[in-house]
C-alpha atoms as a PDB file:
ATOM      1  CA  MET A   1     -63.828  22.344  40.886  1.00  0.00           C
ATOM      2  CA  THR A   2     -66.133  25.033  39.888  1.00  0.00           C
ATOM      3  CA  GLU A   3     -69.370  23.244  39.846  1.00  0.00           C
ATOM      4  CA  PRO A   4     -69.921  24.475  43.786  1.00  0.00           C
ATOM      5  CA  TRP A   5     -68.933  27.933  42.997  1.00  0.00           C
ATOM      6  CA  GLU A   6     -71.019  28.458  40.472  1.00  0.00           C
ATOM      7  CA  ALA A   7     -74.115  27.128  41.637  1.00  0.00           C
ATOM      8  CA  ASN A   8     -72.800  29.419  44.721  1.00  0.00           C
ATOM      9  CA  ALA A   9     -71.732  32.625  43.089  1.00  0.00           C
ATOM     10  CA  ALA A  10     -74.989  34.898  44.064  1.00  0.00           C
ATOM     11  CA  TRP A  11     -74.741  34.164  47.652  1.00  0.00           C
ATOM     12  CA  TRP A  12     -71.249  35.678  46.592  1.00  0.00           C
ATOM     13  CA  GLN A  13     -72.131  37.824  45.314  1.00  0.00           C
ATOM     14  CA  ALA A  14     -74.751  39.502  47.644  1.00  0.00           C
ATOM     15  CA  GLY A  15     -73.288  38.855  50.432  1.00  0.00           C
ATOM     16  CA  PHE A  16     -69.734  40.093  49.842  1.00  0.00           C
ATOM     17  CA  THR A  17     -69.141  42.231  46.723  1.00  0.00           C
ATOM     18  CA  GLU A  18     -70.442  46.734  46.493  1.00  0.00           C
ATOM     19  CA  GLY A  19     -69.986  47.237  50.116  1.00  0.00           C
ATOM     20  CA  ALA A  20     -71.791  44.399  51.914  1.00  0.00           C
ATOM     21  CA  ASP A  21     -69.153  43.043  53.774  1.00  0.00           C
ATOM     22  CA  PRO A  22     -66.620  45.075  55.961  1.00  0.00           C
ATOM     23  CA  GLU A  23     -63.534  43.287  55.945  1.00  0.00           C
ATOM     24  CA  TYR A  24     -63.214  43.422  51.688  1.00  0.00           C
ATOM     25  CA  GLU A  25     -64.849  47.480  52.345  1.00  0.00           C
ATOM     26  CA  GLU A  26     -61.853  48.182  55.855  1.00  0.00           C
ATOM     27  CA  GLN A  27     -59.408  46.418  55.310  1.00  0.00           C
ATOM     28  CA  ILE A  28     -58.816  44.047  51.862  1.00  0.00           C
ATOM     29  CA  LEU A  29     -59.361  46.607  49.415  1.00  0.00           C
ATOM     30  CA  PRO A  30     -57.518  49.140  51.693  1.00  0.00           C
ATOM     31  CA  ILE A  31     -54.767  47.361  51.536  1.00  0.00           C
ATOM     32  CA  LEU A  32     -54.561  46.088  47.519  1.00  0.00           C
ATOM     33  CA  ASP A  33     -55.206  50.383  46.498  1.00  0.00           C
ATOM     34  CA  GLU A  34     -51.996  51.313  48.995  1.00  0.00           C
ATOM     35  CA  TRP A  35     -49.847  47.981  47.302  1.00  0.00           C
ATOM     36  CA  LEU A  36     -50.956  48.548  43.273  1.00  0.00           C
ATOM     37  CA  GLN A  37     -49.395  52.557  43.536  1.00  0.00           C
ATOM     38  CA  GLY A  38     -46.940  52.526  40.739  1.00  0.00           C
ATOM     39  CA  ALA A  39     -48.193  49.275  39.046  1.00  0.00           C
ATOM     40  CA  SER A  40     -49.747  49.983  35.529  1.00  0.00           C
ATOM     41  CA  ALA A  41     -50.700  46.642  34.014  1.00  0.00           C
ATOM     42  CA  VAL A  42     -52.644  44.218  36.889  1.00  0.00           C
ATOM     43  CA  LEU A  43     -53.807  40.958  36.647  1.00  0.00           C
ATOM     44  CA  ASP A  44     -56.505  39.858  39.125  1.00  0.00           C
ATOM     45  CA  VAL A  45     -56.610  36.125  39.120  1.00  0.00           C
ATOM     46  CA  GLY A  46     -59.664  34.589  40.561  1.00  0.00           C
ATOM     47  CA  CYS A  47     -61.447  37.777  40.046  1.00  0.00           C
ATOM     48  CA  GLY A  48     -65.105  36.619  41.024  1.00  0.00           C
ATOM     49  CA  GLU A  49     -67.799  40.029  39.800  1.00  0.00           C
ATOM     50  CA  GLY A  50     -64.767  41.671  39.306  1.00  0.00           C
ATOM     51  CA  GLN A  51     -64.844  44.055  42.433  1.00  0.00           C
ATOM     52  CA  VAL A  52     -60.390  43.730  42.895  1.00  0.00           C
ATOM     53  CA  GLY A  53     -60.067  44.500  39.269  1.00  0.00           C
ATOM     54  CA  ARG A  54     -62.730  47.854  39.450  1.00  0.00           C
ATOM     55  CA  LEU A  55     -60.837  49.097  42.269  1.00  0.00           C
ATOM     56  CA  ALA A  56     -57.180  48.627  40.032  1.00  0.00           C
ATOM     57  CA  ALA A  57     -58.830  50.430  37.342  1.00  0.00           C
ATOM     58  CA  ARG A  58     -59.237  53.584  39.899  1.00  0.00           C
ATOM     59  CA  VAL A  59     -55.302  53.576  40.747  1.00  0.00           C
ATOM     60  CA  PRO A  60     -53.499  56.645  39.156  1.00  0.00           C
ATOM     61  CA  GLY A  61     -51.149  55.245  36.229  1.00  0.00           C
ATOM     62  CA  VAL A  62     -53.141  51.482  36.461  1.00  0.00           C
ATOM     63  CA  GLU A  63     -53.557  51.776  32.549  1.00  0.00           C
ATOM     64  CA  VAL A  64     -55.002  47.423  31.852  1.00  0.00           C
ATOM     65  CA  VAL A  65     -56.982  45.366  34.560  1.00  0.00           C
ATOM     66  CA  VAL A  66     -57.096  41.680  33.335  1.00  0.00           C
ATOM     67  CA  GLY A  67     -59.755  39.549  35.066  1.00  0.00           C
ATOM     68  CA  VAL A  68     -60.104  35.707  35.155  1.00  0.00           C
ATOM     69  CA  ASP A  69     -61.958  33.129  36.801  1.00  0.00           C
ATOM     70  CA  PRO A  70     -62.916  29.661  35.515  1.00  0.00           C
ATOM     71  CA  THR A  71     -66.377  30.251  36.963  1.00  0.00           C
ATOM     72  CA  GLN A  72     -69.199  31.707  34.307  1.00  0.00           C
ATOM     73  CA  ALA A  73     -71.585  32.969  36.425  1.00  0.00           C
ATOM     74  CA  GLN A  74     -69.126  35.893  38.301  1.00  0.00           C
ATOM     75  CA  VAL A  75     -67.218  36.097  34.707  1.00  0.00           C
ATOM     76  CA  ALA A  76     -70.179  36.909  33.468  1.00  0.00           C
ATOM     77  CA  GLU A  77     -71.138  39.270  36.401  1.00  0.00           C
ATOM     78  CA  ALA A  78     -67.998  41.311  35.986  1.00  0.00           C
ATOM     79  CA  ALA A  79     -68.524  41.576  32.231  1.00  0.00           C
ATOM     80  CA  ARG A  80     -72.684  42.962  33.879  1.00  0.00           C
ATOM     81  CA  ARG A  81     -70.797  45.811  36.780  1.00  0.00           C
ATOM     82  CA  GLY A  82     -67.641  46.389  34.045  1.00  0.00           C
ATOM     83  CA  GLY A  83     -66.172  49.456  35.458  1.00  0.00           C
ATOM     84  CA  GLY A  84     -63.065  48.937  33.191  1.00  0.00           C
ATOM     85  CA  VAL A  85     -62.071  45.194  33.772  1.00  0.00           C
ATOM     86  CA  GLN A  86     -61.370  42.983  30.477  1.00  0.00           C
ATOM     87  CA  VAL A  87     -62.626  39.796  32.001  1.00  0.00           C
ATOM     88  CA  GLY A  88     -62.284  35.884  30.432  1.00  0.00           C
ATOM     89  CA  ARG A  89     -63.146  32.318  31.945  1.00  0.00           C
ATOM     90  CA  ALA A  90     -59.447  31.179  32.584  1.00  0.00           C
ATOM     91  CA  ASP A  91     -57.948  28.716  35.260  1.00  0.00           C
ATOM     92  CA  ALA A  92     -54.818  30.135  37.136  1.00  0.00           C
ATOM     93  CA  ALA A  93     -52.283  27.007  36.787  1.00  0.00           C
ATOM     94  CA  ALA A  94     -52.671  27.578  32.677  1.00  0.00           C
ATOM     95  CA  LEU A  95     -52.961  31.849  32.510  1.00  0.00           C
ATOM     96  CA  PRO A  96     -53.649  32.639  28.530  1.00  0.00           C
ATOM     97  CA  PHE A  97     -50.901  35.119  28.450  1.00  0.00           C
ATOM     98  CA  SER A  98     -47.551  36.146  27.587  1.00  0.00           C
ATOM     99  CA  SER A  99     -45.160  35.636  29.503  1.00  0.00           C
ATOM    100  CA  GLY A 100     -44.254  39.468  31.429  1.00  0.00           C
ATOM    101  CA  SER A 101     -47.578  40.552  30.621  1.00  0.00           C
ATOM    102  CA  PHE A 102     -48.166  42.322  33.987  1.00  0.00           C
ATOM    103  CA  ASP A 103     -46.422  44.586  36.312  1.00  0.00           C
ATOM    104  CA  ALA A 104     -48.583  43.733  38.800  1.00  0.00           C
ATOM    105  CA  ALA A 105     -51.034  40.432  39.835  1.00  0.00           C
ATOM    106  CA  VAL A 106     -53.761  39.616  42.669  1.00  0.00           C
ATOM    107  CA  ALA A 107     -54.903  36.570  44.253  1.00  0.00           C
ATOM    108  CA  CYS A 108     -57.553  37.595  46.947  1.00  0.00           C
ATOM    109  CA  LEU A 109     -59.021  34.824  48.658  1.00  0.00           C
ATOM    110  CA  VAL A 110     -58.550  32.760  46.322  1.00  0.00           C
ATOM    111  CA  PHE A 111     -55.854  30.208  46.814  1.00  0.00           C
ATOM    112  CA  GLU A 112     -57.383  28.671  49.745  1.00  0.00           C
ATOM    113  CA  HIS A 113     -59.489  27.058  46.387  1.00  0.00           C
ATOM    114  CA  ILE A 114     -57.136  25.911  43.802  1.00  0.00           C
ATOM    115  CA  GLU A 115     -56.162  21.786  43.896  1.00  0.00           C
ATOM    116  CA  ALA A 116     -52.797  23.421  41.302  1.00  0.00           C
ATOM    117  CA  PHE A 117     -50.940  25.558  43.458  1.00  0.00           C
ATOM    118  CA  GLU A 118     -47.689  25.239  43.251  1.00  0.00           C
ATOM    119  CA  GLU A 119     -48.308  25.425  39.200  1.00  0.00           C
ATOM    120  CA  ALA A 120     -50.902  28.400  39.523  1.00  0.00           C
ATOM    121  CA  ILE A 121     -47.671  30.217  41.601  1.00  0.00           C
ATOM    122  CA  GLY A 122     -45.889  29.327  39.058  1.00  0.00           C
ATOM    123  CA  GLU A 123     -48.296  30.475  36.154  1.00  0.00           C
ATOM    124  CA  LEU A 124     -48.295  33.800  38.237  1.00  0.00           C
ATOM    125  CA  ALA A 125     -44.427  34.712  38.153  1.00  0.00           C
ATOM    126  CA  ARG A 126     -44.368  33.841  34.178  1.00  0.00           C
ATOM    127  CA  VAL A 127     -46.900  36.523  33.799  1.00  0.00           C
ATOM    128  CA  LEU A 128     -45.492  38.306  35.760  1.00  0.00           C
ATOM    129  CA  CYS A 129     -42.123  40.974  34.498  1.00  0.00           C
ATOM    130  CA  PRO A 130     -38.949  41.050  36.345  1.00  0.00           C
ATOM    131  CA  GLY A 131     -39.958  43.543  38.726  1.00  0.00           C
ATOM    132  CA  GLY A 132     -43.344  43.649  38.883  1.00  0.00           C
ATOM    133  CA  ARG A 133     -45.523  42.535  42.185  1.00  0.00           C
ATOM    134  CA  PHE A 134     -47.819  39.869  43.418  1.00  0.00           C
ATOM    135  CA  LEU A 135     -50.636  39.996  46.025  1.00  0.00           C
ATOM    136  CA  PHE A 136     -51.172  37.352  47.900  1.00  0.00           C
ATOM    137  CA  LEU A 137     -53.783  37.430  50.145  1.00  0.00           C
ATOM    138  CA  LEU A 138     -55.124  34.885  52.523  1.00  0.00           C
ATOM    139  CA  ASN A 139     -57.424  33.417  55.075  1.00  0.00           C
ATOM    140  CA  HIS A 140     -54.826  33.555  57.161  1.00  0.00           C
ATOM    141  CA  PRO A 141     -53.100  29.453  57.287  1.00  0.00           C
ATOM    142  CA  LEU A 142     -52.216  29.746  61.079  1.00  0.00           C
ATOM    143  CA  LEU A 143     -54.940  31.336  62.846  1.00  0.00           C
ATOM    144  CA  GLN A 144     -57.826  29.702  60.857  1.00  0.00           C
ATOM    145  CA  THR A 145     -56.627  26.269  60.303  1.00  0.00           C
ATOM    146  CA  PRO A 146     -59.734  24.178  60.322  1.00  0.00           C
ATOM    147  CA  GLY A 147     -60.599  23.171  64.039  1.00  0.00           C
ATOM    148  CA  SER A 148     -59.776  27.385  65.551  1.00  0.00           C
ATOM    149  CA  GLY A 149     -61.372  29.141  67.068  1.00  0.00           C
ATOM    150  CA  TRP A 150     -62.633  31.262  70.252  1.00  0.00           C
ATOM    151  CA  ILE A 151     -63.023  28.400  73.867  1.00  0.00           C
ATOM    152  CA  ASP A 152     -64.669  30.363  76.187  1.00  0.00           C
ATOM    153  CA  ASP A 153     -63.376  27.630  78.860  1.00  0.00           C
ATOM    154  CA  THR A 154     -65.870  27.369  82.240  1.00  0.00           C
ATOM    155  CA  ILE A 155     -64.770  24.504  83.892  1.00  0.00           C
ATOM    156  CA  LEU A 156     -60.868  25.665  84.489  1.00  0.00           C
ATOM    157  CA  GLU A 157     -62.127  30.096  84.009  1.00  0.00           C
ATOM    158  CA  GLU A 158     -60.151  30.019  81.174  1.00  0.00           C
ATOM    159  CA  GLN A 159     -60.018  31.673  77.506  1.00  0.00           C
ATOM    160  CA  TYR A 160     -58.268  31.224  74.867  1.00  0.00           C
ATOM    161  CA  TRP A 161     -57.544  30.632  70.786  1.00  0.00           C
ATOM    162  CA  ARG A 162     -57.966  27.075  69.740  1.00  0.00           C
ATOM    163  CA  LEU A 163     -55.301  26.563  66.688  1.00  0.00           C
ATOM    164  CA  GLY A 164     -56.579  23.223  64.670  1.00  0.00           C
ATOM    165  CA  PRO A 165     -53.627  20.686  63.335  1.00  0.00           C
ATOM    166  CA  TYR A 166     -51.622  23.411  61.029  1.00  0.00           C
ATOM    167  CA  LEU A 167     -49.375  21.122  59.416  1.00  0.00           C
ATOM    168  CA  THR A 168     -52.042  18.444  58.014  1.00  0.00           C
ATOM    169  CA  GLU A 169     -53.204  19.565  54.625  1.00  0.00           C
ATOM    170  CA  ASP A 170     -57.038  19.301  55.231  1.00  0.00           C
ATOM    171  CA  HIS A 171     -59.170  19.628  51.655  1.00  0.00           C
ATOM    172  CA  SER A 172     -63.625  19.836  52.778  1.00  0.00           C
ATOM    173  CA  LEU A 173     -66.049  20.976  51.413  1.00  0.00           C
ATOM    174  CA  GLU A 174     -67.582  23.687  54.409  1.00  0.00           C
ATOM    175  CA  GLU A 175     -71.077  24.764  54.789  1.00  0.00           C
ATOM    176  CA  VAL A 176     -70.942  29.005  54.465  1.00  0.00           C
ATOM    177  CA  ALA A 177     -74.295  29.456  54.773  1.00  0.00           C
ATOM    178  CA  LYS A 178     -77.185  27.840  54.930  1.00  0.00           C
ATOM    179  CA  GLY A 179     -77.431  25.467  51.873  1.00  0.00           C
ATOM    180  CA  VAL A 180     -74.537  26.825  50.896  1.00  0.00           C
ATOM    181  CA  ARG A 181     -71.309  24.501  50.836  1.00  0.00           C
ATOM    182  CA  ILE A 182     -68.042  25.656  49.400  1.00  0.00           C
ATOM    183  CA  PRO A 183     -64.783  24.183  48.898  1.00  0.00           C
ATOM    184  CA  PHE A 184     -61.529  25.064  50.843  1.00  0.00           C
ATOM    185  CA  ILE A 185     -57.820  24.251  50.966  1.00  0.00           C
ATOM    186  CA  HIS A 186     -56.179  24.153  54.017  1.00  0.00           C
ATOM    187  CA  ARG A 187     -52.077  24.576  53.879  1.00  0.00           C
ATOM    188  CA  PRO A 188     -49.240  25.499  55.903  1.00  0.00           C
ATOM    189  CA  LEU A 189     -47.573  28.768  55.305  1.00  0.00           C
ATOM    190  CA  PHE A 190     -44.001  27.397  53.702  1.00  0.00           C
ATOM    191  CA  ARG A 191     -45.903  25.046  51.317  1.00  0.00           C
ATOM    192  CA  TYR A 192     -46.633  28.678  49.945  1.00  0.00           C
ATOM    193  CA  VAL A 193     -43.875  30.799  50.429  1.00  0.00           C
ATOM    194  CA  ASN A 194     -41.422  27.893  49.389  1.00  0.00           C
ATOM    195  CA  THR A 195     -42.891  27.836  45.708  1.00  0.00           C
ATOM    196  CA  MET A 196     -42.738  31.321  45.835  1.00  0.00           C
ATOM    197  CA  ALA A 197     -39.202  31.253  46.236  1.00  0.00           C
ATOM    198  CA  ALA A 198     -38.963  28.259  43.695  1.00  0.00           C
ATOM    199  CA  ALA A 199     -40.659  30.585  41.393  1.00  0.00           C
ATOM    200  CA  GLY A 200     -38.034  33.649  41.511  1.00  0.00           C
ATOM    201  CA  LEU A 201     -40.992  35.688  43.903  1.00  0.00           C
ATOM    202  CA  LEU A 202     -39.439  36.773  47.416  1.00  0.00           C
ATOM    203  CA  VAL A 203     -41.520  38.432  50.083  1.00  0.00           C
ATOM    204  CA  THR A 204     -40.771  41.927  50.300  1.00  0.00           C
ATOM    205  CA  ARG A 205     -44.154  42.945  53.403  1.00  0.00           C
ATOM    206  CA  MET A 206     -46.513  40.803  55.482  1.00  0.00           C
ATOM    207  CA  GLU A 207     -49.453  42.501  57.196  1.00  0.00           C
ATOM    208  CA  GLU A 208     -51.358  40.455  59.965  1.00  0.00           C
ATOM    209  CA  PRO A 209     -53.693  42.966  60.347  1.00  0.00           C
ATOM    210  CA  ALA A 210     -56.686  42.847  63.187  1.00  0.00           C
ATOM    211  CA  PRO A 211     -60.078  42.127  62.558  1.00  0.00           C
ATOM    212  CA  PRO A 212     -61.755  46.014  61.520  1.00  0.00           C
ATOM    213  CA  PRO A 213     -64.169  47.150  63.852  1.00  0.00           C
ATOM    214  CA  GLY A 214     -67.052  46.195  61.228  1.00  0.00           C
ATOM    215  CA  PHE A 215     -66.711  42.837  61.366  1.00  0.00           C
ATOM    216  CA  LEU A 216     -66.144  42.617  65.391  1.00  0.00           C
ATOM    217  CA  SER A 217     -69.484  44.713  65.374  1.00  0.00           C
ATOM    218  CA  ARG A 218     -71.050  41.766  63.745  1.00  0.00           C
ATOM    219  CA  ALA A 219     -71.260  40.056  67.257  1.00  0.00           C
ATOM    220  CA  ALA A 220     -70.400  39.190  70.174  1.00  0.00           C
ATOM    221  CA  GLU A 221     -67.871  36.528  69.613  1.00  0.00           C
ATOM    222  CA  TYR A 222     -66.226  37.614  66.796  1.00  0.00           C
ATOM    223  CA  ARG A 223     -65.229  41.187  69.006  1.00  0.00           C
ATOM    224  CA  GLU A 224     -63.551  38.277  71.957  1.00  0.00           C
ATOM    225  CA  ALA A 225     -61.222  37.359  69.487  1.00  0.00           C
ATOM    226  CA  ALA A 226     -60.392  41.063  67.942  1.00  0.00           C
ATOM    227  CA  THR A 227     -56.954  40.097  68.424  1.00  0.00           C
ATOM    228  CA  ILE A 228     -56.992  37.127  66.144  1.00  0.00           C
ATOM    229  CA  PRO A 229     -56.276  38.127  62.482  1.00  0.00           C
ATOM    230  CA  ARG A 230     -58.176  36.679  60.266  1.00  0.00           C
ATOM    231  CA  LEU A 231     -56.006  37.884  57.180  1.00  0.00           C
ATOM    232  CA  LEU A 232     -52.590  37.255  55.880  1.00  0.00           C
ATOM    233  CA  ALA A 233     -52.005  39.581  53.185  1.00  0.00           C
ATOM    234  CA  LEU A 234     -48.280  39.291  51.693  1.00  0.00           C
ATOM    235  CA  ARG A 235     -46.151  41.566  49.083  1.00  0.00           C
ATOM    236  CA  ALA A 236     -43.693  39.393  46.726  1.00  0.00           C
ATOM    237  CA  GLU A 237     -41.419  40.948  43.967  1.00  0.00           C
ATOM    238  CA  LYS A 238     -40.198  39.097  41.007  1.00  0.00           C
ATOM    239  CA  MET A 239     -36.102  38.738  41.103  1.00  0.00           C
ATOM    240  CA  GLY A 240     -34.390  39.423  37.370  1.00  0.00           C
ATOM    241  CA  ALA A 241     -32.621  36.499  36.102  1.00  0.00           C
ATOM    242  CA  TRP A 242     -33.639  33.957  38.719  1.00  0.00           C
ATOM    243  CA  SER A 243     -32.720  30.386  38.977  1.00  0.00           C
ATOM    244  CA  SER A 244     -33.982  28.198  41.863  1.00  0.00           C
ATOM    245  CA  SER A 245     -30.798  25.430  41.381  1.00  0.00           C
END
């Protein structure tokens, strides 16, 4: 569903890029910078206006960076901002590249919006060369399940983080700002990990970082949940001669 993203591309570009968002600046981009070291050909799936691709292009040794996104408004802005990234429109479930074209692929806060996620993971595995890495960043599937949040129970005099129905797949159109509604899909983590395993992508590292200081400083209620991760980051490697049978 690209219509909400076309309509709200300017909201994303203003609020989450070019240093505007502390979670990207203090957490997401540093993780990706570390995990992209040693790569030479990088694919950024769901690239938006291209900030992850521009980061990849600055990593020593990276020679080719390609970003794809189904949203024309994002691709046009990514092309305008440049930064050494080749950009084009494409769906994650139908990537227009030969098998083994890249040694690193990134999907950053993208799969929460992809319906055909199994096909998309299969495509990412296909375009990676053996030994290539898949860097997969998500809103934390457990701790950020719809309905989760900080509870200050003044009757029982308890404070705790409430979890929503984690095992229930949820498709919703969420109002993330006044007049801005974006589609989100919640899935339990095992669905992603098992699909990756079936495609020959072996998870080799996992991070659940605490929210960064710049985010926590934005509101008192954020500081109360400082021990609850908002982000899950997985690094996987494509195994050679893989068979899921």
